[in-house]
PDB file of N, CA and C in Angstrom:
ATOM      1  N   CYS A   1      37.078  10.152 117.446  1.00  0.00           N
ATOM      2  CA  CYS A   1      37.857   9.722 116.112  1.00  0.00           C
ATOM      3  C   CYS A   1      39.295   9.082 116.527  1.00  0.00           C
ATOM      4  N   THR A   2      38.942   7.567 116.157  1.00  0.00           N
ATOM      5  CA  THR A   2      40.269   6.799 116.130  1.00  0.00           C
ATOM      6  C   THR A   2      41.002   6.632 115.318  1.00  0.00           C
ATOM      7  N   LEU A   3      42.458   6.513 116.040  1.00  0.00           N
ATOM      8  CA  LEU A   3      43.337   6.845 114.527  1.00  0.00           C
ATOM      9  C   LEU A   3      44.850   5.737 114.939  1.00  0.00           C
ATOM     10  N   ASN A   4      45.050   4.862 114.118  1.00  0.00           N
ATOM     11  CA  ASN A   4      46.421   3.845 113.706  1.00  0.00           C
ATOM     12  C   ASN A   4      46.739   5.071 113.783  1.00  0.00           C
ATOM     13  N   THR A   5      48.116   5.135 114.657  1.00  0.00           N
ATOM     14  CA  THR A   5      49.382   6.541 113.772  1.00  0.00           C
ATOM     15  C   THR A   5      50.795   5.463 113.811  1.00  0.00           C
ATOM     16  N   ARG A   6      50.382   4.415 113.584  1.00  0.00           N
ATOM     17  CA  ARG A   6      51.558   3.553 113.029  1.00  0.00           C
ATOM     18  C   ARG A   6      53.008   4.207 113.846  1.00  0.00           C
ATOM     19  N   GLY A   7      52.854   4.204 114.928  1.00  0.00           N
ATOM     20  CA  GLY A   7      54.011   4.662 116.126  1.00  0.00           C
ATOM     21  C   GLY A   7      54.829   5.875 115.898  1.00  0.00           C
ATOM     22  N   LEU A   8      53.379   6.668 115.505  1.00  0.00           N
ATOM     23  CA  LEU A   8      53.546   8.132 115.713  1.00  0.00           C
ATOM     24  C   LEU A   8      54.435   8.895 114.933  1.00  0.00           C
ATOM     25  N   HIS A   9      54.704   7.706 113.822  1.00  0.00           N
ATOM     26  CA  HIS A   9      55.962   8.633 112.679  1.00  0.00           C
ATOM     27  C   HIS A   9      55.172   9.039 111.297  1.00  0.00           C
ATOM     28  N   SER A  10      54.070   8.385 111.284  1.00  0.00           N
ATOM     29  CA  SER A  10      53.537   8.748 109.551  1.00  0.00           C
ATOM     30  C   SER A  10      52.258   9.518 109.396  1.00  0.00           C
ATOM     31  N   SER A  11      51.481   9.835 110.451  1.00  0.00           N
ATOM     32  CA  SER A  11      50.775  10.078 110.770  1.00  0.00           C
ATOM     33  C   SER A  11      49.727  11.442 110.978  1.00  0.00           C
ATOM     34  N   TYR A  12      50.974  12.672 110.897  1.00  0.00           N
ATOM     35  CA  TYR A  12      51.006  13.713 111.510  1.00  0.00           C
ATOM     36  C   TYR A  12      49.843  14.613 110.284  1.00  0.00           C
ATOM     37  N   ALA A  13      49.811  14.274 109.328  1.00  0.00           N
ATOM     38  CA  ALA A  13      49.435  14.560 108.176  1.00  0.00           C
ATOM     39  C   ALA A  13      47.781  14.266 108.276  1.00  0.00           C
ATOM     40  N   ASP A  14      47.476  12.936 108.776  1.00  0.00           N
ATOM     41  CA  ASP A  14      46.136  12.471 109.011  1.00  0.00           C
ATOM     42  C   ASP A  14      45.452  13.176 110.032  1.00  0.00           C
ATOM     43  N   ILE A  15      46.271  13.593 111.418  1.00  0.00           N
ATOM     44  CA  ILE A  15      45.601  14.374 112.367  1.00  0.00           C
ATOM     45  C   ILE A  15      45.459  15.602 112.111  1.00  0.00           C
ATOM     46  N   ALA A  16      46.420  16.173 111.294  1.00  0.00           N
ATOM     47  CA  ALA A  16      45.806  17.429 111.091  1.00  0.00           C
ATOM     48  C   ALA A  16      44.928  18.035 110.649  1.00  0.00           C
ATOM     49  N   LYS A  17      44.770  16.830 109.404  1.00  0.00           N
ATOM     50  CA  LYS A  17      43.303  17.379 108.533  1.00  0.00           C
ATOM     51  C   LYS A  17      42.324  16.559 109.196  1.00  0.00           C
ATOM     52  N   ILE A  18      41.910  15.882 110.261  1.00  0.00           N
ATOM     53  CA  ILE A  18      41.247  15.529 110.777  1.00  0.00           C
ATOM     54  C   ILE A  18      40.701  16.699 111.938  1.00  0.00           C
ATOM     55  N   ARG A  19      41.814  16.960 112.254  1.00  0.00           N
ATOM     56  CA  ARG A  19      41.696  18.032 113.384  1.00  0.00           C
ATOM     57  C   ARG A  19      41.227  19.295 112.683  1.00  0.00           C
ATOM     58  N   LYS A  20      41.727  19.918 111.595  1.00  0.00           N
ATOM     59  CA  LYS A  20      40.992  20.805 110.718  1.00  0.00           C
ATOM     60  C   LYS A  20      39.399  20.838 110.191  1.00  0.00           C
ATOM     61  N   ASP A  21      39.171  19.359 109.854  1.00  0.00           N
ATOM     62  CA  ASP A  21      37.917  19.603 109.011  1.00  0.00           C
ATOM     63  C   ASP A  21      36.555  19.105 110.489  1.00  0.00           C
ATOM     64  N   TRP A  22      37.277  18.701 111.471  1.00  0.00           N
ATOM     65  CA  TRP A  22      35.762  17.842 111.957  1.00  0.00           C
ATOM     66  C   TRP A  22      35.937  18.627 113.268  1.00  0.00           C
ATOM     67  N   GLU A  23      37.308  19.028 113.900  1.00  0.00           N
ATOM     68  CA  GLU A  23      37.720  19.593 115.450  1.00  0.00           C
ATOM     69  C   GLU A  23      36.958  18.992 116.283  1.00  0.00           C
ATOM     70  N   PRO A  24      37.566  17.628 116.774  1.00  0.00           N
ATOM     71  CA  PRO A  24      36.819  15.999 117.098  1.00  0.00           C
ATOM     72  C   PRO A  24      37.185  16.840 118.645  1.00  0.00           C
ATOM     73  N   THR A  25      35.943  16.171 119.552  1.00  0.00           N
ATOM     74  CA  THR A  25      36.325  16.864 121.173  1.00  0.00           C
ATOM     75  C   THR A  25      37.480  15.400 121.192  1.00  0.00           C
ATOM     76  N   LEU A  26      37.223  14.100 120.637  1.00  0.00           N
ATOM     77  CA  LEU A  26      38.180  13.406 121.892  1.00  0.00           C
ATOM     78  C   LEU A  26      38.831  12.395 120.050  1.00  0.00           C
ATOM     79  N   LEU A  27      40.388  12.423 120.612  1.00  0.00           N
ATOM     80  CA  LEU A  27      40.989  11.700 119.736  1.00  0.00           C
ATOM     81  C   LEU A  27      41.682  10.031 120.615  1.00  0.00           C
ATOM     82  N   SER A  28      41.253   9.302 119.802  1.00  0.00           N
ATOM     83  CA  SER A  28      41.776   8.184 120.091  1.00  0.00           C
ATOM     84  C   SER A  28      43.034   7.141 119.822  1.00  0.00           C
ATOM     85  N   LEU A  29      44.193   7.797 119.621  1.00  0.00           N
ATOM     86  CA  LEU A  29      45.324   7.232 119.205  1.00  0.00           C
ATOM     87  C   LEU A  29      45.995   5.971 119.352  1.00  0.00           C
ATOM     88  N   THR A  30      46.150   5.454 118.563  1.00  0.00           N
ATOM     89  CA  THR A  30      46.571   3.902 119.060  1.00  0.00           C
ATOM     90  C   THR A  30      47.999   3.321 118.247  1.00  0.00           C
ATOM     91  N   GLU A  31      48.383   2.331 118.552  1.00  0.00           N
ATOM     92  CA  GLU A  31      49.841   2.034 118.271  1.00  0.00           C
ATOM     93  C   GLU A  31      50.995   2.675 118.357  1.00  0.00           C
ATOM     94  N   THR A  32      51.022   3.392 119.481  1.00  0.00           N
ATOM     95  CA  THR A  32      51.741   4.646 119.643  1.00  0.00           C
ATOM     96  C   THR A  32      53.452   4.476 120.026  1.00  0.00           C
ATOM     97  N   HIS A  33      53.396   2.853 120.619  1.00  0.00           N
ATOM     98  CA  HIS A  33      54.612   2.236 120.520  1.00  0.00           C
ATOM     99  C   HIS A  33      55.680   3.500 121.494  1.00  0.00           C
ATOM    100  N   HIS A  34      55.284   4.408 122.422  1.00  0.00           N
ATOM    101  CA  HIS A  34      56.174   5.632 122.897  1.00  0.00           C
ATOM    102  C   HIS A  34      56.209   5.656 124.012  1.00  0.00           C
ATOM    103  N   GLY A  35      56.801   5.858 125.272  1.00  0.00           N
ATOM    104  CA  GLY A  35      56.807   5.343 126.933  1.00  0.00           C
ATOM    105  C   GLY A  35      56.733   6.562 126.697  1.00  0.00           C
ATOM    106  N   ARG A  36      56.566   7.809 126.113  1.00  0.00           N
ATOM    107  CA  ARG A  36      55.867   9.231 126.612  1.00  0.00           C
ATOM    108  C   ARG A  36      55.569  10.107 125.095  1.00  0.00           C
ATOM    109  N   VAL A  37      55.077  10.894 125.380  1.00  0.00           N
ATOM    110  CA  VAL A  37      54.238  11.893 124.208  1.00  0.00           C
ATOM    111  C   VAL A  37      55.619  12.832 123.608  1.00  0.00           C
ATOM    112  N   SER A  38      56.275  12.907 122.856  1.00  0.00           N
ATOM    113  CA  SER A  38      57.011  14.090 122.402  1.00  0.00           C
ATOM    114  C   SER A  38      56.369  15.331 122.722  1.00  0.00           C
ATOM    115  N   SER A  39      57.307  16.464 122.583  1.00  0.00           N
ATOM    116  CA  SER A  39      57.010  17.731 122.914  1.00  0.00           C
ATOM    117  C   SER A  39      56.407  18.365 121.222  1.00  0.00           C
ATOM    118  N   PHE A  40      56.495  17.905 120.258  1.00  0.00           N
ATOM    119  CA  PHE A  40      56.059  18.177 118.965  1.00  0.00           C
ATOM    120  C   PHE A  40      54.806  17.604 119.116  1.00  0.00           C
ATOM    121  N   TRP A  41      53.994  16.555 119.298  1.00  0.00           N
ATOM    122  CA  TRP A  41      52.884  16.180 119.673  1.00  0.00           C
ATOM    123  C   TRP A  41      52.227  17.009 120.900  1.00  0.00           C
ATOM    124  N   ARG A  42      52.832  17.039 121.780  1.00  0.00           N
ATOM    125  CA  ARG A  42      52.216  18.053 122.785  1.00  0.00           C
ATOM    126  C   ARG A  42      51.773  19.179 122.662  1.00  0.00           C
ATOM    127  N   THR A  43      52.687  19.988 121.285  1.00  0.00           N
ATOM    128  CA  THR A  43      52.266  21.152 121.036  1.00  0.00           C
ATOM    129  C   THR A  43      51.136  20.962 120.132  1.00  0.00           C
ATOM    130  N   GLU A  44      51.199  20.339 119.112  1.00  0.00           N
ATOM    131  CA  GLU A  44      50.344  20.120 117.800  1.00  0.00           C
ATOM    132  C   GLU A  44      49.196  19.537 118.961  1.00  0.00           C
ATOM    133  N   LEU A  45      48.822  19.183 119.990  1.00  0.00           N
ATOM    134  CA  LEU A  45      47.991  18.678 120.748  1.00  0.00           C
ATOM    135  C   LEU A  45      47.915  19.813 121.629  1.00  0.00           C
ATOM    136  N   LYS A  46      47.815  20.890 121.589  1.00  0.00           N
ATOM    137  CA  LYS A  46      47.747  21.799 123.110  1.00  0.00           C
ATOM    138  C   LYS A  46      45.982  22.150 123.440  1.00  0.00           C
ATOM    139  N   GLN A  47      45.139  22.189 122.632  1.00  0.00           N
ATOM    140  CA  GLN A  47      44.075  22.186 123.241  1.00  0.00           C
ATOM    141  C   GLN A  47      43.417  21.029 123.803  1.00  0.00           C
ATOM    142  N   TYR A  48      44.610  20.093 123.926  1.00  0.00           N
ATOM    143  CA  TYR A  48      43.748  18.396 124.039  1.00  0.00           C
ATOM    144  C   TYR A  48      44.257  18.115 125.608  1.00  0.00           C
ATOM    145  N   LYS A  49      44.083  17.574 126.570  1.00  0.00           N
ATOM    146  CA  LYS A  49      44.562  16.868 127.636  1.00  0.00           C
ATOM    147  C   LYS A  49      45.016  15.793 127.069  1.00  0.00           C
ATOM    148  N   ILE A  50      45.840  15.175 127.417  1.00  0.00           N
ATOM    149  CA  ILE A  50      46.802  14.183 126.719  1.00  0.00           C
ATOM    150  C   ILE A  50      46.942  12.815 128.053  1.00  0.00           C
ATOM    151  N   ILE A  51      46.302  12.033 128.012  1.00  0.00           N
ATOM    152  CA  ILE A  51      46.598  10.745 128.707  1.00  0.00           C
ATOM    153  C   ILE A  51      46.758  10.184 127.948  1.00  0.00           C
ATOM    154  N   GLN A  52      47.925   8.990 128.573  1.00  0.00           N
ATOM    155  CA  GLN A  52      48.373   8.042 128.123  1.00  0.00           C
ATOM    156  C   GLN A  52      48.776   7.158 129.248  1.00  0.00           C
ATOM    157  N   ASN A  53      49.023   5.756 129.083  1.00  0.00           N
ATOM    158  CA  ASN A  53      49.972   4.614 129.808  1.00  0.00           C
ATOM    159  C   ASN A  53      50.430   4.416 128.608  1.00  0.00           C
ATOM    160  N   PRO A  54      52.055   4.707 128.837  1.00  0.00           N
ATOM    161  CA  PRO A  54      53.210   3.929 127.731  1.00  0.00           C
ATOM    162  C   PRO A  54      52.773   2.191 127.762  1.00  0.00           C
ATOM    163  N   ALA A  55      53.262   1.878 126.639  1.00  0.00           N
ATOM    164  CA  ALA A  55      53.469   0.704 126.626  1.00  0.00           C
ATOM    165  C   ALA A  55      54.871   0.052 127.313  1.00  0.00           C
ATOM    166  N   PRO A  56      54.845  -1.352 127.652  1.00  0.00           N
ATOM    167  CA  PRO A  56      55.588  -1.732 128.389  1.00  0.00           C
ATOM    168  C   PRO A  56      56.644  -2.011 127.543  1.00  0.00           C
ATOM    169  N   ILE A  57      57.986  -2.379 127.679  1.00  0.00           N
ATOM    170  CA  ILE A  57      58.923  -2.483 127.464  1.00  0.00           C
ATOM    171  C   ILE A  57      58.804  -3.946 126.954  1.00  0.00           C
ATOM    172  N   ASP A  58      58.907  -4.612 126.023  1.00  0.00           N
ATOM    173  CA  ASP A  58      59.134  -6.255 125.533  1.00  0.00           C
ATOM    174  C   ASP A  58      60.399  -6.650 125.876  1.00  0.00           C
ATOM    175  N   ASP A  59      59.944  -7.766 126.738  1.00  0.00           N
ATOM    176  CA  ASP A  59      61.614  -7.858 127.615  1.00  0.00           C
ATOM    177  C   ASP A  59      62.021  -9.034 126.550  1.00  0.00           C
ATOM    178  N   ASP A  60      61.774  -9.699 125.597  1.00  0.00           N
ATOM    179  CA  ASP A  60      62.462 -10.571 124.180  1.00  0.00           C
ATOM    180  C   ASP A  60      63.148  -9.613 123.320  1.00  0.00           C
ATOM    181  N   THR A  61      62.228  -8.341 123.376  1.00  0.00           N
ATOM    182  CA  THR A  61      62.981  -7.557 122.173  1.00  0.00           C
ATOM    183  C   THR A  61      63.474  -6.487 122.432  1.00  0.00           C
ATOM    184  N   GLY A  62      62.944  -5.734 123.335  1.00  0.00           N
ATOM    185  CA  GLY A  62      63.308  -4.467 123.957  1.00  0.00           C
ATOM    186  C   GLY A  62      62.916  -3.350 123.431  1.00  0.00           C
ATOM    187  N   ARG A  63      61.597  -3.998 122.955  1.00  0.00           N
ATOM    188  CA  ARG A  63      61.014  -2.620 122.173  1.00  0.00           C
ATOM    189  C   ARG A  63      59.818  -2.423 122.725  1.00  0.00           C
ATOM    190  N   ARG A  64      58.785  -1.829 122.384  1.00  0.00           N
ATOM    191  CA  ARG A  64      58.055  -1.429 122.932  1.00  0.00           C
ATOM    192  C   ARG A  64      56.411  -1.292 121.698  1.00  0.00           C
ATOM    193  N   TYR A  65      55.574  -2.036 121.688  1.00  0.00           N
ATOM    194  CA  TYR A  65      54.516  -2.404 120.786  1.00  0.00           C
ATOM    195  C   TYR A  65      53.463  -1.798 121.647  1.00  0.00           C
ATOM    196  N   ALA A  66      52.485  -2.296 120.654  1.00  0.00           N
ATOM    197  CA  ALA A  66      50.767  -1.622 121.278  1.00  0.00           C
ATOM    198  C   ALA A  66      50.923   0.466 121.591  1.00  0.00           C
ATOM    199  N   GLY A  67      50.387   0.518 122.544  1.00  0.00           N
ATOM    200  CA  GLY A  67      50.176   2.084 122.893  1.00  0.00           C
ATOM    201  C   GLY A  67      49.019   2.364 122.400  1.00  0.00           C
ATOM    202  N   THR A  68      48.332   3.564 123.327  1.00  0.00           N
ATOM    203  CA  THR A  68      47.413   4.380 123.164  1.00  0.00           C
ATOM    204  C   THR A  68      47.223   5.632 123.440  1.00  0.00           C
ATOM    205  N   ILE A  69      46.497   6.522 123.283  1.00  0.00           N
ATOM    206  CA  ILE A  69      46.841   7.977 123.935  1.00  0.00           C
ATOM    207  C   ILE A  69      44.987   8.626 123.686  1.00  0.00           C
ATOM    208  N   LEU A  70      44.813   9.100 124.882  1.00  0.00           N
ATOM    209  CA  LEU A  70      43.436   9.844 124.783  1.00  0.00           C
ATOM    210  C   LEU A  70      43.695  10.925 125.194  1.00  0.00           C
ATOM    211  N   ALA A  71      43.341  11.800 124.107  1.00  0.00           N
ATOM    212  CA  ALA A  71      43.338  13.360 123.827  1.00  0.00           C
ATOM    213  C   ALA A  71      41.839  13.850 123.840  1.00  0.00           C
ATOM    214  N   VAL A  72      41.678  14.606 125.032  1.00  0.00           N
ATOM    215  CA  VAL A  72      40.446  15.353 125.171  1.00  0.00           C
ATOM    216  C   VAL A  72      40.414  17.068 124.954  1.00  0.00           C
ATOM    217  N   ARG A  73      39.715  17.234 124.228  1.00  0.00           N
ATOM    218  CA  ARG A  73      39.453  18.981 123.521  1.00  0.00           C
ATOM    219  C   ARG A  73      38.834  19.511 125.397  1.00  0.00           C
ATOM    220  N   ARG A  74      40.129  20.412 125.537  1.00  0.00           N
ATOM    221  CA  ARG A  74      39.841  20.823 127.174  1.00  0.00           C
ATOM    222  C   ARG A  74      38.586  21.753 127.176  1.00  0.00           C
ATOM    223  N   ASP A  75      38.345  22.709 125.916  1.00  0.00           N
ATOM    224  CA  ASP A  75      37.489  23.445 125.626  1.00  0.00           C
ATOM    225  C   ASP A  75      35.851  23.052 125.943  1.00  0.00           C
ATOM    226  N   CYS A  76      35.635  21.636 125.984  1.00  0.00           N
ATOM    227  CA  CYS A  76      34.471  20.982 125.858  1.00  0.00           C
ATOM    228  C   CYS A  76      34.194  20.867 126.960  1.00  0.00           C
ATOM    229  N   PHE A  77      35.172  21.053 128.428  1.00  0.00           N
ATOM    230  CA  PHE A  77      35.041  20.043 129.527  1.00  0.00           C
ATOM    231  C   PHE A  77      35.314  20.880 130.782  1.00  0.00           C
ATOM    232  N   TYR A  78      34.702  20.989 131.747  1.00  0.00           N
ATOM    233  CA  TYR A  78      34.940  21.878 132.957  1.00  0.00           C
ATOM    234  C   TYR A  78      36.083  21.081 133.815  1.00  0.00           C
ATOM    235  N   SER A  79      36.537  19.368 133.623  1.00  0.00           N
ATOM    236  CA  SER A  79      37.205  19.073 134.372  1.00  0.00           C
ATOM    237  C   SER A  79      37.521  17.509 133.738  1.00  0.00           C
ATOM    238  N   ILE A  80      38.829  17.374 133.376  1.00  0.00           N
ATOM    239  CA  ILE A  80      39.020  16.103 132.851  1.00  0.00           C
ATOM    240  C   ILE A  80      40.242  15.457 133.853  1.00  0.00           C
ATOM    241  N   THR A  81      39.709  14.303 134.605  1.00  0.00           N
ATOM    242  CA  THR A  81      40.535  13.703 135.328  1.00  0.00           C
ATOM    243  C   THR A  81      40.992  12.043 135.081  1.00  0.00           C
ATOM    244  N   ALA A  82      41.965  11.553 134.404  1.00  0.00           N
ATOM    245  CA  ALA A  82      42.731  10.306 134.299  1.00  0.00           C
ATOM    246  C   ALA A  82      42.633   9.573 135.298  1.00  0.00           C
ATOM    247  N   ILE A  83      41.743   8.293 134.987  1.00  0.00           N
ATOM    248  CA  ILE A  83      41.871   7.342 135.779  1.00  0.00           C
ATOM    249  C   ILE A  83      42.841   6.105 135.771  1.00  0.00           C
ATOM    250  N   PRO A  84      43.614   5.972 136.277  1.00  0.00           N
ATOM    251  CA  PRO A  84      44.675   4.781 136.821  1.00  0.00           C
ATOM    252  C   PRO A  84      44.078   3.768 136.102  1.00  0.00           C
ATOM    253  N   THR A  85      44.450   2.710 135.445  1.00  0.00           N
ATOM    254  CA  THR A  85      44.780   1.553 135.179  1.00  0.00           C
ATOM    255  C   THR A  85      45.748   0.695 135.587  1.00  0.00           C
ATOM    256  N   PRO A  86      45.063  -0.396 135.822  1.00  0.00           N
ATOM    257  CA  PRO A  86      46.127  -1.845 135.925  1.00  0.00           C
ATOM    258  C   PRO A  86      46.842  -1.583 135.066  1.00  0.00           C
ATOM    259  N   ALA A  87      48.248  -1.804 135.743  1.00  0.00           N
ATOM    260  CA  ALA A  87      49.663  -2.578 134.943  1.00  0.00           C
ATOM    261  C   ALA A  87      49.524  -3.114 134.026  1.00  0.00           C
ATOM    262  N   ALA A  88      48.728  -4.225 133.562  1.00  0.00           N
ATOM    263  CA  ALA A  88      48.870  -5.026 132.815  1.00  0.00           C
ATOM    264  C   ALA A  88      48.172  -4.627 132.043  1.00  0.00           C
ATOM    265  N   LEU A  89      47.214  -3.767 132.087  1.00  0.00           N
ATOM    266  CA  LEU A  89      46.809  -2.890 130.501  1.00  0.00           C
ATOM    267  C   LEU A  89      47.148  -1.968 130.408  1.00  0.00           C
ATOM    268  N   HIS A  90      48.220  -1.786 130.326  1.00  0.00           N
ATOM    269  CA  HIS A  90      49.196  -0.183 130.644  1.00  0.00           C
ATOM    270  C   HIS A  90      49.543  -0.588 128.646  1.00  0.00           C
ATOM    271  N   GLY A  91      49.039   0.434 128.006  1.00  0.00           N
ATOM    272  CA  GLY A  91      50.008   0.545 126.396  1.00  0.00           C
ATOM    273  C   GLY A  91      48.857  -0.175 126.071  1.00  0.00           C
ATOM    274  N   TYR A  92      47.363  -0.596 126.412  1.00  0.00           N
ATOM    275  CA  TYR A  92      46.396  -1.545 125.889  1.00  0.00           C
ATOM    276  C   TYR A  92      45.069  -0.485 126.236  1.00  0.00           C
ATOM    277  N   VAL A  93      45.043   0.647 127.302  1.00  0.00           N
ATOM    278  CA  VAL A  93      43.691   0.963 128.053  1.00  0.00           C
ATOM    279  C   VAL A  93      43.973   2.571 128.553  1.00  0.00           C
ATOM    280  N   ALA A  94      43.542   3.996 128.205  1.00  0.00           N
ATOM    281  CA  ALA A  94      44.045   5.277 128.368  1.00  0.00           C
ATOM    282  C   ALA A  94      42.559   5.450 129.060  1.00  0.00           C
ATOM    283  N   ALA A  95      42.102   6.018 130.359  1.00  0.00           N
ATOM    284  CA  ALA A  95      40.796   6.673 130.425  1.00  0.00           C
ATOM    285  C   ALA A  95      40.843   7.522 131.097  1.00  0.00           C
ATOM    286  N   ALA A  96      39.617   8.311 131.046  1.00  0.00           N
ATOM    287  CA  ALA A  96      39.141   9.606 131.780  1.00  0.00           C
ATOM    288  C   ALA A  96      37.619   9.858 131.942  1.00  0.00           C
ATOM    289  N   ILE A  97      37.663  10.485 133.300  1.00  0.00           N
ATOM    290  CA  ILE A  97      36.220  10.862 134.008  1.00  0.00           C
ATOM    291  C   ILE A  97      36.473  12.520 132.949  1.00  0.00           C
ATOM    292  N   ALA A  98      35.522  12.482 132.198  1.00  0.00           N
ATOM    293  CA  ALA A  98      35.340  14.441 131.737  1.00  0.00           C
ATOM    294  C   ALA A  98      34.416  14.536 132.493  1.00  0.00           C
ATOM    295  N   THR A  99      33.818  15.613 132.748  1.00  0.00           N
ATOM    296  CA  THR A  99      32.951  16.396 133.488  1.00  0.00           C
ATOM    297  C   THR A  99      32.511  17.771 132.307  1.00  0.00           C
ATOM    298  N   PRO A 100      31.462  17.545 131.681  1.00  0.00           N
ATOM    299  CA  PRO A 100      31.319  19.043 130.950  1.00  0.00           C
ATOM    300  C   PRO A 100      30.977  20.052 131.842  1.00  0.00           C
ATOM    301  N   HIS A 101      30.404  21.238 130.788  1.00  0.00           N
ATOM    302  CA  HIS A 101      30.163  22.390 131.475  1.00  0.00           C
ATOM    303  C   HIS A 101      28.576  22.057 132.179  1.00  0.00           C
ATOM    304  N   SER A 102      27.776  21.127 131.248  1.00  0.00           N
ATOM    305  CA  SER A 102      26.464  20.972 131.771  1.00  0.00           C
ATOM    306  C   SER A 102      26.354  19.423 131.848  1.00  0.00           C
ATOM    307  N   GLY A 103      25.409  19.133 132.151  1.00  0.00           N
ATOM    308  CA  GLY A 103      25.262  17.583 132.374  1.00  0.00           C
ATOM    309  C   GLY A 103      26.459  16.469 133.635  1.00  0.00           C
ATOM    310  N   PRO A 104      25.625  15.252 133.009  1.00  0.00           N
ATOM    311  CA  PRO A 104      26.500  14.383 134.058  1.00  0.00           C
ATOM    312  C   PRO A 104      28.161  13.948 133.584  1.00  0.00           C
ATOM    313  N   SER A 105      29.071  13.325 134.024  1.00  0.00           N
ATOM    314  CA  SER A 105      30.216  13.129 134.123  1.00  0.00           C
ATOM    315  C   SER A 105      30.534  12.029 132.924  1.00  0.00           C
ATOM    316  N   LEU A 106      31.275  11.958 132.437  1.00  0.00           N
ATOM    317  CA  LEU A 106      31.242  10.886 130.922  1.00  0.00           C
ATOM    318  C   LEU A 106      32.508   9.854 131.110  1.00  0.00           C
ATOM    319  N   LEU A 107      32.348   8.727 131.261  1.00  0.00           N
ATOM    320  CA  LEU A 107      33.480   7.840 131.001  1.00  0.00           C
ATOM    321  C   LEU A 107      33.943   7.725 129.878  1.00  0.00           C
ATOM    322  N   ILE A 108      34.935   7.937 129.402  1.00  0.00           N
ATOM    323  CA  ILE A 108      35.652   8.056 128.143  1.00  0.00           C
ATOM    324  C   ILE A 108      37.742   7.118 127.954  1.00  0.00           C
ATOM    325  N   PHE A 109      37.317   6.513 127.331  1.00  0.00           N
ATOM    326  CA  PHE A 109      38.580   5.542 127.095  1.00  0.00           C
ATOM    327  C   PHE A 109      39.056   5.406 125.656  1.00  0.00           C
ATOM    328  N   SER A 110      40.379   5.261 125.020  1.00  0.00           N
ATOM    329  CA  SER A 110      40.888   4.807 124.392  1.00  0.00           C
ATOM    330  C   SER A 110      41.416   3.777 124.306  1.00  0.00           C
ATOM    331  N   VAL A 111      41.438   2.328 123.399  1.00  0.00           N
ATOM    332  CA  VAL A 111      41.500   1.084 123.695  1.00  0.00           C
ATOM    333  C   VAL A 111      42.418   0.662 122.436  1.00  0.00           C
ATOM    334  N   TYR A 112      43.419  -0.207 122.454  1.00  0.00           N
ATOM    335  CA  TYR A 112      44.079  -0.789 121.326  1.00  0.00           C
ATOM    336  C   TYR A 112      43.645  -2.248 121.416  1.00  0.00           C
TER     337      TYR A 112
END
């Protein structure tokens, strides 16, 4: 499931409904605008491994733009390993290798 979070400010109700109705295995949250994931969101998404490459701070404005979070439900995979991304892609790509309990590993990513 992909959701534009509008800076993680007004999307809690959207994500809560999606989680309740569909229990998605993967969440791709875009336009997060933050350098770190707050404890509120970590608590709300505690059943997910959160992979984030924070958006860089814009030199002209001093603000962060873009930003993406890949949230992978822990109980669906044996292991989830974040893949480092080049600095030029921070804020635009979050990626991981997820190994299910059976079957081949998967390359998963969230792209802004």
